[in-house]
Amino acid sequence: MATGYARTHLRKTAEIGKSLGFVAVLPVLTLLTLFLPTLCQAVVTYFEQRTMQGAQ
């Protein structure tokens, strides 16, 4: 009886976790897509500066 209850409880928790995870991921994905060009530009600039310093 206890194992059946635990199993049901775990399944419910997993479902809630999935929906919560999806909801939590959405804004993160939106932010990522918004900041991706800026981030890429920053990384490129950083590495360009590093290689310039290394060349000198």
Protein backbone atom coordinates (compact mmCIF):
# COMPACT_ATOMS: atom_id res chain seq x y z
CA MET A 1 0.00 0.00 0.00
CA ALA A 2 2.77 2.37 0.96
CA THR A 3 4.74 1.60 -2.22
CA GLY A 4 1.68 2.28 -4.38
CA TYR A 5 1.14 5.62 -2.63
CA ALA A 6 4.79 6.55 -3.03
CA ARG A 7 4.71 5.61 -6.70
CA THR A 8 1.63 7.76 -7.35
CA HIS A 9 3.17 10.59 -5.36
CA LEU A 10 6.40 10.36 -7.35
CA ARG A 11 4.51 10.35 -10.63
CA LYS A 12 2.55 13.45 -9.62
CA THR A 13 5.73 15.17 -8.47
CA ALA A 14 7.42 14.30 -11.77
CA GLU A 15 4.50 15.73 -13.76
CA ILE A 16 4.52 18.93 -11.71
CA GLY A 17 8.29 19.12 -12.06
CA LYS A 18 8.04 18.71 -15.82
CA SER A 19 5.47 21.48 -16.22
CA LEU A 20 7.37 23.73 -13.81
CA GLY A 21 10.62 23.00 -15.62
CA PHE A 22 9.02 23.88 -18.94
CA VAL A 23 7.63 27.13 -17.53
CA ALA A 24 11.01 27.95 -15.99
CA VAL A 25 12.87 27.19 -19.23
CA LEU A 26 10.69 29.42 -21.43
CA PRO A 27 11.90 32.80 -20.11
CA VAL A 28 15.47 31.51 -20.04
CA LEU A 29 15.20 30.49 -23.70
CA THR A 30 13.68 33.85 -24.58
CA LEU A 31 16.48 35.66 -22.78
CA LEU A 32 19.07 33.47 -24.48
CA THR A 33 17.69 34.18 -27.94
CA LEU A 34 17.63 37.89 -27.12
CA PHE A 35 21.16 37.98 -25.71
CA LEU A 36 22.74 35.46 -28.08
CA PRO A 37 23.89 37.99 -30.72
CA THR A 38 25.28 40.29 -28.01
CA LEU A 39 26.94 37.35 -26.30
CA CYS A 40 28.51 36.11 -29.53
CA GLN A 41 29.75 39.62 -30.31
CA ALA A 42 31.25 39.92 -26.83
CA VAL A 43 33.00 36.55 -27.15
CA VAL A 44 34.36 37.42 -30.60
CA THR A 45 35.59 40.81 -29.37
CA TYR A 46 37.19 39.18 -26.32
CA PHE A 47 39.06 36.62 -28.40
CA GLU A 48 40.10 39.24 -30.94
CA GLN A 49 41.60 41.31 -28.13
CA ARG A 50 43.32 38.21 -26.72
CA THR A 51 44.86 37.31 -30.09
CA MET A 52 45.89 40.92 -30.67
CA GLN A 53 47.65 40.99 -27.29
CA GLY A 54 49.22 37.61 -28.01
CA ALA A 55 50.52 38.82 -31.38
CA GLN A 56 52.20 41.88 -29.92
